């Protein structure tokens, strides 16, 4: 019931209508060896779009390039997120989805799987045909042995929030001052207790440029 409520709320945020009630989709009789992703229990609105964390781990072990997309709220991201994930709260996906790579598999996750399901459907509608919703969310990934990054306490910046390079940092890095704004993608504990921050800046042609090794003094809210 809770998941159904989250799904309805997600559809409202994305402006998607409630789907018509249909009987559950059944695999064709000729399908003798379905993949683990297709073997999950779901309704036809979820067909071929959900994947479990074990399969994601297998994709990584096989060396398949993929991007994790975290669509939780900022307060959830502050408690930790998948290592290297692209942080993009659900309400920002409609205007920021062009930051996502078109040549990689995109694994969307949230806390439980309801929000990520809706976002995966939306992304496929935008042409990202290899977008997948990870069943069970972050908790499932951690239970599978996946890594996460937990930002150090303190500081005026947090994962997922908007930030910009200072003019001095932009000049030092050779970045156009008019294109120095982005989102915090990661914060780690650096040397001598200083934080090492990753800022993501959307590229004009699409995609995201990740600027690593920044300090808090290099950024402004």
N, C-alpha and C. Protein backbone atom coordinates (compact mmCIF):
# COMPACT_ATOMS: atom_id res chain seq x y z
N UNK A 1 0.83 -1.19 0.00
CA UNK A 1 0.00 0.00 0.00
C UNK A 1 0.87 1.26 0.00
N UNK A 2 1.94 1.25 0.83
CA UNK A 2 2.83 2.41 0.89
C UNK A 2 3.50 2.63 -0.46
N UNK A 3 3.90 1.53 -1.10
CA UNK A 3 4.54 1.67 -2.39
C UNK A 3 3.57 2.24 -3.43
N UNK A 4 2.32 1.81 -3.39
CA UNK A 4 1.32 2.34 -4.33
C UNK A 4 1.14 3.84 -4.14
N UNK A 5 1.12 4.28 -2.86
CA UNK A 5 1.00 5.72 -2.60
C UNK A 5 2.19 6.49 -3.15
N UNK A 6 3.41 5.95 -2.96
CA UNK A 6 4.60 6.61 -3.47
C UNK A 6 4.56 6.68 -4.99
N UNK A 7 4.07 5.61 -5.63
CA UNK A 7 3.99 5.60 -7.08
C UNK A 7 3.00 6.65 -7.59
N UNK A 8 1.86 6.79 -6.88
CA UNK A 8 0.88 7.80 -7.30
C UNK A 8 1.46 9.20 -7.14
N UNK A 9 2.19 9.40 -6.01
CA UNK A 9 2.80 10.72 -5.79
C UNK A 9 3.86 11.01 -6.85
N UNK A 10 4.61 9.99 -7.24
CA UNK A 10 5.63 10.17 -8.26
C UNK A 10 5.01 10.54 -9.59
N UNK A 11 3.90 9.90 -9.93
CA UNK A 11 3.23 10.22 -11.19
C UNK A 11 2.74 11.65 -11.19
N UNK A 12 2.27 12.11 -10.05
CA UNK A 12 1.79 13.49 -9.97
C UNK A 12 2.92 14.48 -10.18
N UNK A 13 4.11 14.18 -9.57
CA UNK A 13 5.25 15.08 -9.71
C UNK A 13 5.72 15.16 -11.15
N UNK A 14 5.64 14.03 -11.87
CA UNK A 14 6.11 13.99 -13.25
C UNK A 14 5.01 14.30 -14.25
N UNK A 15 3.79 14.57 -13.75
CA UNK A 15 2.69 14.90 -14.64
C UNK A 15 2.22 13.71 -15.45
N UNK A 16 2.36 12.51 -14.88
CA UNK A 16 1.94 11.30 -15.60
C UNK A 16 0.57 10.87 -15.09
N UNK A 17 -0.34 10.44 -16.01
CA UNK A 17 -1.66 9.99 -15.57
C UNK A 17 -1.59 8.64 -14.90
N UNK A 18 -2.59 8.35 -14.10
CA UNK A 18 -2.70 7.03 -13.50
C UNK A 18 -2.92 5.99 -14.59
N UNK A 19 -2.18 4.88 -14.58
CA UNK A 19 -2.36 3.88 -15.63
C UNK A 19 -3.69 3.15 -15.47
N UNK A 20 -4.22 2.67 -16.59
CA UNK A 20 -5.43 1.86 -16.56
C UNK A 20 -5.10 0.51 -15.94
N UNK A 21 -6.04 0.00 -15.17
CA UNK A 21 -5.81 -1.29 -14.54
C UNK A 21 -5.85 -2.39 -15.59
N UNK A 22 -4.80 -3.18 -15.64
CA UNK A 22 -4.72 -4.29 -16.59
C UNK A 22 -4.27 -5.54 -15.86
N UNK A 23 -4.55 -6.70 -16.41
CA UNK A 23 -4.06 -7.93 -15.77
C UNK A 23 -2.56 -7.99 -15.86
N UNK A 24 -1.89 -8.63 -14.91
CA UNK A 24 -0.43 -8.71 -14.93
C UNK A 24 0.08 -9.32 -16.21
N UNK A 25 1.18 -8.76 -16.72
CA UNK A 25 1.78 -9.32 -17.92
C UNK A 25 2.40 -10.67 -17.62
N UNK A 26 2.29 -11.58 -18.59
CA UNK A 26 2.86 -12.92 -18.42
C UNK A 26 3.91 -13.14 -19.50
N UNK A 27 5.01 -13.81 -19.17
CA UNK A 27 6.03 -14.06 -20.17
C UNK A 27 5.53 -15.03 -21.22
N UNK A 28 6.00 -14.95 -22.46
CA UNK A 28 5.58 -15.89 -23.50
C UNK A 28 5.97 -17.30 -23.14
N UNK A 29 5.19 -18.24 -23.62
CA UNK A 29 5.43 -19.64 -23.28
C UNK A 29 6.77 -20.12 -23.78
N UNK A 30 7.28 -19.47 -24.84
CA UNK A 30 8.54 -19.90 -25.42
C UNK A 30 9.75 -19.42 -24.63
N UNK A 31 9.52 -18.54 -23.66
CA UNK A 31 10.64 -18.01 -22.88
C UNK A 31 11.09 -19.04 -21.86
N UNK A 32 12.18 -19.72 -22.16
CA UNK A 32 12.64 -20.80 -21.29
C UNK A 32 13.70 -20.36 -20.31
N UNK A 33 14.42 -19.27 -20.62
CA UNK A 33 15.50 -18.83 -19.72
C UNK A 33 15.50 -17.32 -19.62
N UNK A 34 14.49 -16.75 -18.95
CA UNK A 34 14.44 -15.29 -18.83
C UNK A 34 15.60 -14.78 -18.00
N UNK A 35 15.99 -13.53 -18.26
CA UNK A 35 17.05 -12.93 -17.45
C UNK A 35 16.51 -12.65 -16.07
N UNK A 36 17.41 -12.41 -15.10
CA UNK A 36 16.96 -12.13 -13.73
C UNK A 36 16.13 -10.87 -13.68
N UNK A 37 16.51 -9.87 -14.50
CA UNK A 37 15.74 -8.63 -14.50
C UNK A 37 14.33 -8.85 -14.98
N UNK A 38 14.13 -9.70 -16.01
CA UNK A 38 12.80 -9.95 -16.54
C UNK A 38 12.03 -10.95 -15.70
N UNK A 39 12.72 -11.62 -14.79
CA UNK A 39 12.08 -12.66 -13.99
C UNK A 39 11.47 -12.11 -12.71
N UNK A 40 11.56 -10.79 -12.47
CA UNK A 40 11.01 -10.19 -11.27
C UNK A 40 9.50 -10.11 -11.35
N UNK A 41 8.83 -10.15 -10.20
CA UNK A 41 7.38 -10.03 -10.16
C UNK A 41 7.00 -8.56 -10.24
N UNK A 42 6.17 -8.19 -11.23
CA UNK A 42 5.77 -6.82 -11.42
C UNK A 42 4.53 -6.77 -12.29
N UNK A 43 3.84 -5.61 -12.33
CA UNK A 43 2.72 -5.48 -13.24
C UNK A 43 3.24 -5.03 -14.60
N UNK A 44 2.36 -4.95 -15.62
CA UNK A 44 2.85 -4.69 -16.97
C UNK A 44 3.39 -3.28 -17.11
N UNK A 45 3.05 -2.39 -16.18
CA UNK A 45 3.59 -1.04 -16.21
C UNK A 45 5.06 -1.03 -15.81
N UNK A 46 5.53 -2.16 -15.24
CA UNK A 46 6.90 -2.28 -14.75
C UNK A 46 7.73 -3.25 -15.57
N UNK A 47 7.10 -3.83 -16.61
CA UNK A 47 7.76 -4.90 -17.36
C UNK A 47 9.08 -4.43 -17.95
N UNK A 48 10.11 -5.27 -17.81
CA UNK A 48 11.41 -5.03 -18.41
C UNK A 48 12.03 -3.70 -18.01
N UNK A 49 11.80 -3.28 -16.79
CA UNK A 49 12.37 -2.00 -16.36
C UNK A 49 12.97 -2.08 -14.96
N UNK A 50 12.67 -3.14 -14.21
CA UNK A 50 13.21 -3.30 -12.86
C UNK A 50 14.34 -4.33 -12.88
N UNK A 51 15.32 -4.10 -12.02
CA UNK A 51 16.47 -5.00 -11.91
C UNK A 51 16.85 -5.08 -10.44
N UNK A 52 17.29 -6.26 -10.00
CA UNK A 52 17.69 -6.36 -8.60
C UNK A 52 19.17 -6.01 -8.45
N UNK A 53 19.57 -5.77 -7.21
CA UNK A 53 20.94 -5.32 -6.94
C UNK A 53 21.97 -6.38 -7.31
N UNK A 54 21.60 -7.65 -7.23
CA UNK A 54 22.55 -8.70 -7.60
C UNK A 54 22.89 -8.63 -9.08
N UNK A 55 21.88 -8.35 -9.90
CA UNK A 55 22.13 -8.24 -11.33
C UNK A 55 22.99 -7.01 -11.63
N UNK A 56 22.75 -5.90 -10.92
CA UNK A 56 23.57 -4.71 -11.11
C UNK A 56 25.03 -5.02 -10.77
N UNK A 57 25.23 -5.76 -9.67
CA UNK A 57 26.59 -6.15 -9.29
C UNK A 57 27.23 -7.00 -10.38
N UNK A 58 26.44 -7.86 -11.02
CA UNK A 58 26.97 -8.67 -12.12
C UNK A 58 27.36 -7.81 -13.31
N UNK A 59 26.53 -6.80 -13.61
CA UNK A 59 26.88 -5.90 -14.71
C UNK A 59 28.22 -5.23 -14.45
N UNK A 60 28.42 -4.78 -13.22
CA UNK A 60 29.69 -4.13 -12.89
C UNK A 60 30.85 -5.10 -12.98
N UNK A 61 30.63 -6.33 -12.50
CA UNK A 61 31.69 -7.34 -12.56
C UNK A 61 32.06 -7.68 -13.99
N UNK A 62 31.09 -7.56 -14.90
CA UNK A 62 31.34 -7.83 -16.32
C UNK A 62 32.01 -6.65 -17.01
N UNK A 63 32.16 -5.53 -16.28
CA UNK A 63 32.80 -4.36 -16.86
C UNK A 63 31.88 -3.50 -17.70
N UNK A 64 30.58 -3.66 -17.54
CA UNK A 64 29.65 -2.85 -18.32
C UNK A 64 29.62 -1.42 -17.77
N UNK A 65 29.80 -0.42 -18.60
CA UNK A 65 29.73 0.96 -18.11
C UNK A 65 28.30 1.32 -17.72
N UNK A 66 28.13 1.84 -16.53
CA UNK A 66 26.80 2.27 -16.10
C UNK A 66 26.92 3.44 -15.14
N UNK A 67 25.83 4.16 -15.03
CA UNK A 67 25.74 5.30 -14.13
C UNK A 67 24.62 5.07 -13.13
N UNK A 68 24.92 5.22 -11.85
CA UNK A 68 23.87 5.20 -10.83
C UNK A 68 23.24 6.59 -10.76
N UNK A 69 21.92 6.62 -10.70
CA UNK A 69 21.20 7.89 -10.56
C UNK A 69 20.41 7.86 -9.27
N UNK A 70 20.76 8.74 -8.34
CA UNK A 70 20.09 8.84 -7.04
C UNK A 70 19.01 9.91 -7.15
N UNK A 71 17.74 9.50 -7.00
CA UNK A 71 16.63 10.45 -7.14
C UNK A 71 15.96 10.75 -5.80
N UNK A 72 16.65 10.45 -4.68
CA UNK A 72 16.07 10.73 -3.37
C UNK A 72 16.15 12.23 -3.06
N UNK A 73 15.57 12.60 -1.95
CA UNK A 73 15.62 14.00 -1.52
C UNK A 73 16.98 14.33 -0.90
N UNK A 74 17.30 15.61 -0.83
CA UNK A 74 18.61 16.03 -0.34
C UNK A 74 18.90 15.52 1.06
N UNK A 75 17.89 15.54 1.93
CA UNK A 75 18.11 15.09 3.30
C UNK A 75 18.48 13.61 3.33
N UNK A 76 17.99 12.82 2.39
CA UNK A 76 18.35 11.41 2.33
C UNK A 76 19.78 11.23 1.82
N UNK A 77 20.17 12.05 0.86
CA UNK A 77 21.53 11.95 0.32
C UNK A 77 22.59 12.28 1.36
N UNK A 78 22.25 13.15 2.30
CA UNK A 78 23.22 13.53 3.33
C UNK A 78 23.64 12.35 4.20
N UNK A 79 22.80 11.32 4.26
CA UNK A 79 23.12 10.15 5.08
C UNK A 79 24.00 9.16 4.32
N UNK A 80 24.24 9.39 3.03
CA UNK A 80 25.07 8.49 2.24
C UNK A 80 24.42 8.19 0.90
N UNK A 81 25.25 7.86 -0.10
CA UNK A 81 24.75 7.53 -1.42
C UNK A 81 25.72 6.57 -2.10
N UNK A 82 25.30 5.93 -3.16
CA UNK A 82 26.15 4.99 -3.87
C UNK A 82 27.39 5.71 -4.38
N UNK A 83 28.51 5.07 -4.25
CA UNK A 83 29.78 5.65 -4.69
C UNK A 83 29.71 6.00 -6.17
N UNK A 84 30.05 7.25 -6.49
CA UNK A 84 30.08 7.68 -7.88
C UNK A 84 28.72 7.98 -8.48
N UNK A 85 27.66 7.95 -7.69
CA UNK A 85 26.31 8.17 -8.22
C UNK A 85 26.12 9.60 -8.70
N UNK A 86 25.24 9.74 -9.65
CA UNK A 86 24.81 11.07 -10.12
C UNK A 86 23.63 11.46 -9.24
N UNK A 87 23.77 12.55 -8.49
CA UNK A 87 22.75 12.95 -7.54
C UNK A 87 21.80 13.95 -8.19
N UNK A 88 20.52 13.58 -8.26
CA UNK A 88 19.53 14.40 -8.94
C UNK A 88 18.16 14.13 -8.31
N UNK A 89 17.76 14.93 -7.32
CA UNK A 89 16.46 14.70 -6.68
C UNK A 89 15.33 14.58 -7.70
N UNK A 90 14.36 13.76 -7.37
CA UNK A 90 13.29 13.43 -8.30
C UNK A 90 12.63 14.65 -8.95
N UNK A 91 12.39 15.68 -8.15
CA UNK A 91 11.72 16.86 -8.67
C UNK A 91 12.54 17.65 -9.67
N UNK A 92 13.84 17.33 -9.82
CA UNK A 92 14.71 18.05 -10.75
C UNK A 92 14.97 17.28 -12.04
N UNK A 93 14.51 16.04 -12.10
CA UNK A 93 14.84 15.19 -13.25
C UNK A 93 14.31 15.76 -14.56
N UNK A 94 13.11 16.31 -14.56
CA UNK A 94 12.51 16.80 -15.81
C UNK A 94 13.37 17.87 -16.47
N UNK A 95 14.03 18.71 -15.67
CA UNK A 95 14.84 19.78 -16.26
C UNK A 95 16.33 19.44 -16.34
N UNK A 96 16.75 18.33 -15.73
CA UNK A 96 18.17 18.02 -15.69
C UNK A 96 18.55 16.71 -16.36
N UNK A 97 17.59 15.99 -16.94
CA UNK A 97 17.89 14.64 -17.42
C UNK A 97 18.94 14.63 -18.53
N UNK A 98 19.17 15.77 -19.22
CA UNK A 98 20.18 15.80 -20.27
C UNK A 98 21.60 15.68 -19.71
N UNK A 99 21.73 15.79 -18.39
CA UNK A 99 23.05 15.58 -17.77
C UNK A 99 23.46 14.11 -17.81
N UNK A 100 22.50 13.22 -18.04
CA UNK A 100 22.78 11.78 -17.99
C UNK A 100 23.42 11.31 -19.29
N UNK A 101 24.35 10.36 -19.20
CA UNK A 101 25.02 9.86 -20.40
C UNK A 101 24.07 9.04 -21.27
N UNK A 102 24.15 9.20 -22.55
CA UNK A 102 23.31 8.46 -23.48
C UNK A 102 23.97 7.16 -23.93
N UNK A 103 25.24 6.99 -23.61
CA UNK A 103 25.97 5.81 -24.07
C UNK A 103 26.24 4.83 -22.94
N UNK A 104 25.55 5.00 -21.81
CA UNK A 104 25.72 4.09 -20.69
C UNK A 104 24.38 3.63 -20.14
N UNK A 105 24.40 2.50 -19.51
CA UNK A 105 23.22 2.03 -18.78
C UNK A 105 23.03 2.92 -17.55
N UNK A 106 21.81 3.31 -17.27
CA UNK A 106 21.50 4.16 -16.12
C UNK A 106 20.69 3.34 -15.12
N UNK A 107 21.22 3.18 -13.92
CA UNK A 107 20.54 2.43 -12.85
C UNK A 107 20.01 3.45 -11.85
N UNK A 108 18.69 3.59 -11.81
CA UNK A 108 18.05 4.57 -10.94
C UNK A 108 17.71 3.93 -9.61
N UNK A 109 17.97 4.64 -8.52
CA UNK A 109 17.61 4.09 -7.22
C UNK A 109 17.06 5.19 -6.32
N UNK A 110 16.26 4.76 -5.35
CA UNK A 110 15.73 5.66 -4.32
C UNK A 110 15.87 4.92 -2.99
N UNK A 111 14.88 5.03 -2.12
CA UNK A 111 14.98 4.34 -0.83
C UNK A 111 14.41 2.93 -0.92
N UNK A 112 13.33 2.76 -1.70
CA UNK A 112 12.66 1.46 -1.74
C UNK A 112 12.41 0.95 -3.15
N UNK A 113 12.31 1.82 -4.14
CA UNK A 113 12.08 1.38 -5.51
C UNK A 113 10.87 1.98 -6.20
N UNK A 114 10.01 2.69 -5.46
CA UNK A 114 8.81 3.27 -6.07
C UNK A 114 9.15 4.49 -6.91
N UNK A 115 9.91 5.43 -6.34
CA UNK A 115 10.27 6.64 -7.08
C UNK A 115 11.18 6.31 -8.26
N UNK A 116 12.11 5.39 -8.06
CA UNK A 116 13.03 5.04 -9.13
C UNK A 116 12.30 4.39 -10.30
N UNK A 117 11.23 3.66 -10.00
CA UNK A 117 10.45 3.04 -11.07
C UNK A 117 9.83 4.10 -11.97
N UNK A 118 9.21 5.11 -11.36
CA UNK A 118 8.59 6.16 -12.14
C UNK A 118 9.62 6.97 -12.93
N UNK A 119 10.75 7.25 -12.32
CA UNK A 119 11.79 8.01 -13.02
C UNK A 119 12.35 7.20 -14.18
N UNK A 120 12.54 5.90 -14.00
CA UNK A 120 13.05 5.06 -15.09
C UNK A 120 12.09 5.08 -16.27
N UNK A 121 10.79 5.00 -15.99
CA UNK A 121 9.80 5.08 -17.05
C UNK A 121 9.87 6.42 -17.76
N UNK A 122 10.02 7.49 -16.99
CA UNK A 122 10.12 8.82 -17.57
C UNK A 122 11.36 8.94 -18.46
N UNK A 123 12.50 8.44 -17.98
CA UNK A 123 13.73 8.54 -18.75
C UNK A 123 13.65 7.77 -20.06
N UNK A 124 13.02 6.62 -20.02
CA UNK A 124 12.85 5.87 -21.26
C UNK A 124 11.99 6.66 -22.25
N UNK A 125 11.02 7.37 -21.73
CA UNK A 125 10.21 8.22 -22.59
C UNK A 125 10.98 9.38 -23.19
N UNK A 126 12.12 9.72 -22.56
CA UNK A 126 12.98 10.80 -23.06
C UNK A 126 14.11 10.26 -23.94
N UNK A 127 14.06 8.98 -24.25
CA UNK A 127 15.05 8.40 -25.15
C UNK A 127 16.18 7.64 -24.48
N UNK A 128 16.21 7.57 -23.14
CA UNK A 128 17.22 6.77 -22.46
C UNK A 128 16.68 5.35 -22.30
N UNK A 129 16.81 4.58 -23.36
CA UNK A 129 16.18 3.27 -23.41
C UNK A 129 16.83 2.24 -22.51
N UNK A 130 18.00 2.57 -21.96
CA UNK A 130 18.71 1.62 -21.09
C UNK A 130 18.67 2.09 -19.63
N UNK A 131 17.54 2.69 -19.24
CA UNK A 131 17.34 3.11 -17.85
C UNK A 131 16.63 2.01 -17.08
N UNK A 132 17.10 1.73 -15.87
CA UNK A 132 16.56 0.63 -15.06
C UNK A 132 16.31 1.11 -13.63
N UNK A 133 15.29 0.56 -13.01
CA UNK A 133 14.96 0.86 -11.62
C UNK A 133 15.48 -0.27 -10.74
N UNK A 134 16.30 0.07 -9.73
CA UNK A 134 16.86 -0.95 -8.85
C UNK A 134 15.88 -1.27 -7.72
N UNK A 135 15.41 -2.49 -7.71
CA UNK A 135 14.45 -2.95 -6.71
C UNK A 135 15.08 -2.90 -5.31
N UNK A 136 14.35 -2.36 -4.36
CA UNK A 136 14.84 -2.33 -2.98
C UNK A 136 15.69 -1.12 -2.66
N UNK A 137 16.04 -0.33 -3.67
CA UNK A 137 16.74 0.92 -3.43
C UNK A 137 18.13 0.77 -2.82
N UNK A 138 18.56 1.82 -2.14
CA UNK A 138 19.90 1.86 -1.57
C UNK A 138 20.12 0.75 -0.56
N UNK A 139 19.12 0.44 0.24
CA UNK A 139 19.28 -0.61 1.24
C UNK A 139 19.62 -1.95 0.61
N UNK A 140 18.98 -2.26 -0.51
CA UNK A 140 19.27 -3.50 -1.21
C UNK A 140 20.70 -3.53 -1.74
N UNK A 141 21.16 -2.38 -2.26
CA UNK A 141 22.51 -2.29 -2.78
C UNK A 141 23.54 -2.51 -1.67
N UNK A 142 23.34 -1.90 -0.52
CA UNK A 142 24.27 -2.06 0.58
C UNK A 142 24.26 -3.50 1.11
N UNK A 143 23.08 -4.11 1.15
CA UNK A 143 22.98 -5.50 1.61
C UNK A 143 23.72 -6.44 0.65
N UNK A 144 23.82 -6.04 -0.61
CA UNK A 144 24.51 -6.82 -1.62
C UNK A 144 26.02 -6.65 -1.51
N UNK A 145 26.46 -5.71 -0.66
CA UNK A 145 27.89 -5.46 -0.52
C UNK A 145 28.37 -4.27 -1.32
N UNK A 146 27.43 -3.50 -1.88
CA UNK A 146 27.81 -2.32 -2.65
C UNK A 146 28.37 -1.22 -1.75
N UNK A 147 29.17 -0.34 -2.36
CA UNK A 147 29.81 0.73 -1.59
C UNK A 147 28.96 1.99 -1.59
N UNK A 148 29.10 2.76 -0.53
CA UNK A 148 28.46 4.06 -0.47
C UNK A 148 29.45 5.10 0.07
N UNK A 149 29.16 6.34 -0.16
CA UNK A 149 29.96 7.45 0.34
C UNK A 149 29.12 8.20 1.37
N UNK A 150 29.65 8.35 2.57
CA UNK A 150 28.98 9.10 3.62
C UNK A 150 29.77 10.38 3.84
N UNK A 151 29.18 11.54 3.58
CA UNK A 151 29.92 12.80 3.72
C UNK A 151 30.30 13.07 5.17
N UNK A 152 31.44 13.72 5.39
CA UNK A 152 31.83 14.05 6.76
C UNK A 152 30.88 15.10 7.34
N UNK A 153 30.73 15.11 8.64
CA UNK A 153 29.83 16.09 9.26
C UNK A 153 30.41 17.50 9.19
N UNK A 154 29.52 18.47 9.29
CA UNK A 154 29.96 19.86 9.28
C UNK A 154 30.07 20.41 7.87
N UNK A 155 30.44 21.64 7.78
CA UNK A 155 30.55 22.28 6.48
C UNK A 155 29.24 22.92 6.04
N UNK A 156 29.33 23.85 5.11
CA UNK A 156 28.13 24.55 4.66
C UNK A 156 27.56 23.99 3.37
N UNK A 157 28.16 22.92 2.86
CA UNK A 157 27.68 22.29 1.64
C UNK A 157 27.28 20.84 1.91
N UNK A 158 26.32 20.35 1.12
CA UNK A 158 25.84 18.99 1.28
C UNK A 158 25.65 18.33 -0.08
N UNK A 159 25.71 17.00 -0.15
CA UNK A 159 25.52 16.31 -1.43
C UNK A 159 24.17 16.65 -2.06
N UNK A 160 24.20 16.85 -3.36
CA UNK A 160 22.97 17.08 -4.11
C UNK A 160 22.53 18.51 -4.22
N UNK A 161 23.10 19.41 -3.40
CA UNK A 161 22.62 20.79 -3.42
C UNK A 161 23.32 21.61 -4.50
N UNK A 162 22.69 22.71 -4.85
CA UNK A 162 23.27 23.62 -5.83
C UNK A 162 24.48 24.33 -5.22
N UNK A 163 25.49 24.54 -6.05
CA UNK A 163 26.67 25.30 -5.63
C UNK A 163 27.36 25.83 -6.88
N UNK A 164 28.29 26.73 -6.67
CA UNK A 164 29.03 27.31 -7.80
C UNK A 164 30.48 27.50 -7.40
N UNK A 165 31.35 27.39 -8.38
CA UNK A 165 32.74 27.72 -8.15
C UNK A 165 32.86 29.21 -7.84
N UNK A 166 33.76 29.55 -6.96
CA UNK A 166 34.05 30.97 -6.77
C UNK A 166 34.72 31.48 -8.05
N UNK A 167 34.71 32.77 -8.23
CA UNK A 167 35.36 33.34 -9.41
C UNK A 167 36.84 32.98 -9.45
N UNK A 168 37.47 32.98 -8.28
CA UNK A 168 38.90 32.65 -8.22
C UNK A 168 39.14 31.20 -8.62
N UNK A 169 38.27 30.28 -8.15
CA UNK A 169 38.44 28.87 -8.51
C UNK A 169 38.16 28.65 -9.99
N UNK A 170 37.14 29.32 -10.52
CA UNK A 170 36.82 29.17 -11.94
C UNK A 170 37.99 29.64 -12.80
N UNK A 171 38.62 30.75 -12.43
CA UNK A 171 39.77 31.26 -13.17
C UNK A 171 40.94 30.29 -13.09
N UNK A 172 41.17 29.75 -11.90
CA UNK A 172 42.28 28.80 -11.71
C UNK A 172 42.10 27.54 -12.55
N UNK A 173 40.85 27.09 -12.68
CA UNK A 173 40.56 25.85 -13.41
C UNK A 173 40.26 26.08 -14.88
N UNK A 174 40.27 27.34 -15.30
CA UNK A 174 40.02 27.63 -16.70
C UNK A 174 38.58 27.40 -17.13
N UNK A 175 37.65 27.68 -16.22
CA UNK A 175 36.23 27.48 -16.49
C UNK A 175 35.55 28.83 -16.69
N UNK A 176 34.71 28.90 -17.69
CA UNK A 176 33.98 30.12 -17.99
C UNK A 176 33.20 30.57 -16.76
N UNK A 177 33.40 31.78 -16.29
CA UNK A 177 32.67 32.26 -15.11
C UNK A 177 31.16 32.22 -15.27
N UNK A 178 30.69 32.27 -16.53
CA UNK A 178 29.25 32.21 -16.77
C UNK A 178 28.73 30.79 -16.70
N UNK A 179 29.61 29.80 -16.62
CA UNK A 179 29.19 28.39 -16.58
C UNK A 179 29.84 27.68 -15.40
N UNK A 180 29.83 28.32 -14.25
CA UNK A 180 30.50 27.76 -13.07
C UNK A 180 29.54 27.17 -12.04
N UNK A 181 28.25 27.19 -12.33
CA UNK A 181 27.25 26.66 -11.39
C UNK A 181 26.94 25.20 -11.67
N UNK A 182 26.63 24.48 -10.60
CA UNK A 182 26.29 23.07 -10.77
C UNK A 182 25.72 22.50 -9.49
N UNK A 183 25.94 21.23 -9.27
CA UNK A 183 25.45 20.55 -8.06
C UNK A 183 26.57 19.75 -7.42
N UNK A 184 26.54 19.68 -6.10
CA UNK A 184 27.52 18.87 -5.36
C UNK A 184 27.21 17.40 -5.61
N UNK A 185 28.19 16.68 -6.16
CA UNK A 185 27.99 15.27 -6.48
C UNK A 185 28.61 14.33 -5.44
N UNK A 186 29.55 14.85 -4.66
CA UNK A 186 30.18 13.98 -3.66
C UNK A 186 31.00 14.83 -2.70
N UNK A 187 31.02 14.41 -1.44
CA UNK A 187 31.88 15.05 -0.44
C UNK A 187 32.54 13.93 0.36
N UNK A 188 33.86 13.94 0.37
CA UNK A 188 34.63 12.95 1.13
C UNK A 188 35.53 13.65 2.14
N UNK A 189 35.95 12.90 3.12
CA UNK A 189 36.93 13.43 4.06
C UNK A 189 38.29 13.43 3.38
N UNK A 190 38.93 14.58 3.30
CA UNK A 190 40.22 14.68 2.65
C UNK A 190 41.35 14.67 3.66
N UNK A 191 42.50 15.18 3.24
CA UNK A 191 43.67 15.19 4.11
C UNK A 191 43.50 16.20 5.23
N UNK A 192 44.01 15.86 6.37
CA UNK A 192 44.00 16.75 7.54
C UNK A 192 42.58 17.21 7.90
N UNK A 193 41.62 16.35 7.61
CA UNK A 193 40.25 16.66 7.99
C UNK A 193 39.51 17.55 7.02
N UNK A 194 40.20 18.06 5.99
CA UNK A 194 39.53 18.93 5.01
C UNK A 194 38.67 18.08 4.08
N UNK A 195 37.58 18.65 3.62
CA UNK A 195 36.68 17.93 2.74
C UNK A 195 37.15 18.01 1.29
N UNK A 196 36.98 16.91 0.55
CA UNK A 196 37.24 16.88 -0.88
C UNK A 196 35.90 16.79 -1.58
N UNK A 197 35.59 17.80 -2.37
CA UNK A 197 34.26 17.93 -2.96
C UNK A 197 34.32 17.73 -4.47
N UNK A 198 33.28 17.09 -5.00
CA UNK A 198 33.10 16.93 -6.44
C UNK A 198 31.91 17.77 -6.87
N UNK A 199 32.14 18.69 -7.81
CA UNK A 199 31.06 19.52 -8.34
C UNK A 199 30.74 19.05 -9.76
N UNK A 200 29.45 18.87 -10.03
CA UNK A 200 29.03 18.50 -11.37
C UNK A 200 28.46 19.71 -12.09
N UNK A 201 29.00 20.01 -13.27
CA UNK A 201 28.53 21.12 -14.08
C UNK A 201 27.99 20.58 -15.39
N UNK A 202 26.75 20.92 -15.72
CA UNK A 202 26.13 20.44 -16.95
C UNK A 202 26.85 21.03 -18.16
N UNK A 203 27.20 20.17 -19.11
CA UNK A 203 27.85 20.62 -20.33
C UNK A 203 26.80 21.11 -21.32
N UNK A 204 27.10 22.16 -22.10
CA UNK A 204 26.12 22.70 -23.05
C UNK A 204 25.62 21.67 -24.05
N UNK A 205 26.49 20.73 -24.44
CA UNK A 205 26.11 19.72 -25.42
C UNK A 205 25.47 18.49 -24.78
N UNK A 206 25.29 18.52 -23.47
CA UNK A 206 24.72 17.39 -22.75
C UNK A 206 25.80 16.67 -21.96
N UNK A 207 25.38 15.92 -20.96
CA UNK A 207 26.33 15.23 -20.10
C UNK A 207 26.71 16.09 -18.91
N UNK A 208 27.56 15.55 -18.06
CA UNK A 208 27.95 16.23 -16.83
C UNK A 208 29.46 16.22 -16.69
N UNK A 209 30.05 17.38 -16.45
CA UNK A 209 31.47 17.47 -16.17
C UNK A 209 31.68 17.44 -14.68
N UNK A 210 32.42 16.46 -14.20
CA UNK A 210 32.69 16.32 -12.77
C UNK A 210 34.05 16.94 -12.45
N UNK A 211 34.04 17.95 -11.59
CA UNK A 211 35.28 18.62 -11.19
C UNK A 211 35.63 18.15 -9.80
N UNK A 212 36.71 17.43 -9.66
CA UNK A 212 37.07 16.77 -8.41
C UNK A 212 38.15 17.55 -7.66
N UNK A 213 38.34 17.15 -6.40
CA UNK A 213 39.42 17.71 -5.60
C UNK A 213 39.20 19.13 -5.13
N UNK A 214 37.94 19.56 -5.06
CA UNK A 214 37.66 20.92 -4.61
C UNK A 214 37.56 20.98 -3.10
N UNK A 215 37.87 22.14 -2.55
CA UNK A 215 37.67 22.37 -1.13
C UNK A 215 36.45 23.26 -0.92
N UNK A 216 36.00 23.36 0.32
CA UNK A 216 34.84 24.20 0.60
C UNK A 216 35.10 25.65 0.20
N UNK A 217 36.35 26.10 0.31
CA UNK A 217 36.66 27.47 -0.02
C UNK A 217 36.58 27.75 -1.53
N UNK A 218 36.55 26.68 -2.33
CA UNK A 218 36.45 26.84 -3.79
C UNK A 218 35.00 27.02 -4.24
N UNK A 219 34.06 26.86 -3.31
CA UNK A 219 32.65 26.84 -3.68
C UNK A 219 31.83 27.83 -2.87
N UNK A 220 30.74 28.26 -3.47
CA UNK A 220 29.79 29.10 -2.78
C UNK A 220 28.37 28.58 -3.07
N UNK A 221 27.47 28.69 -2.10
CA UNK A 221 26.11 28.17 -2.30
C UNK A 221 25.40 28.87 -3.45
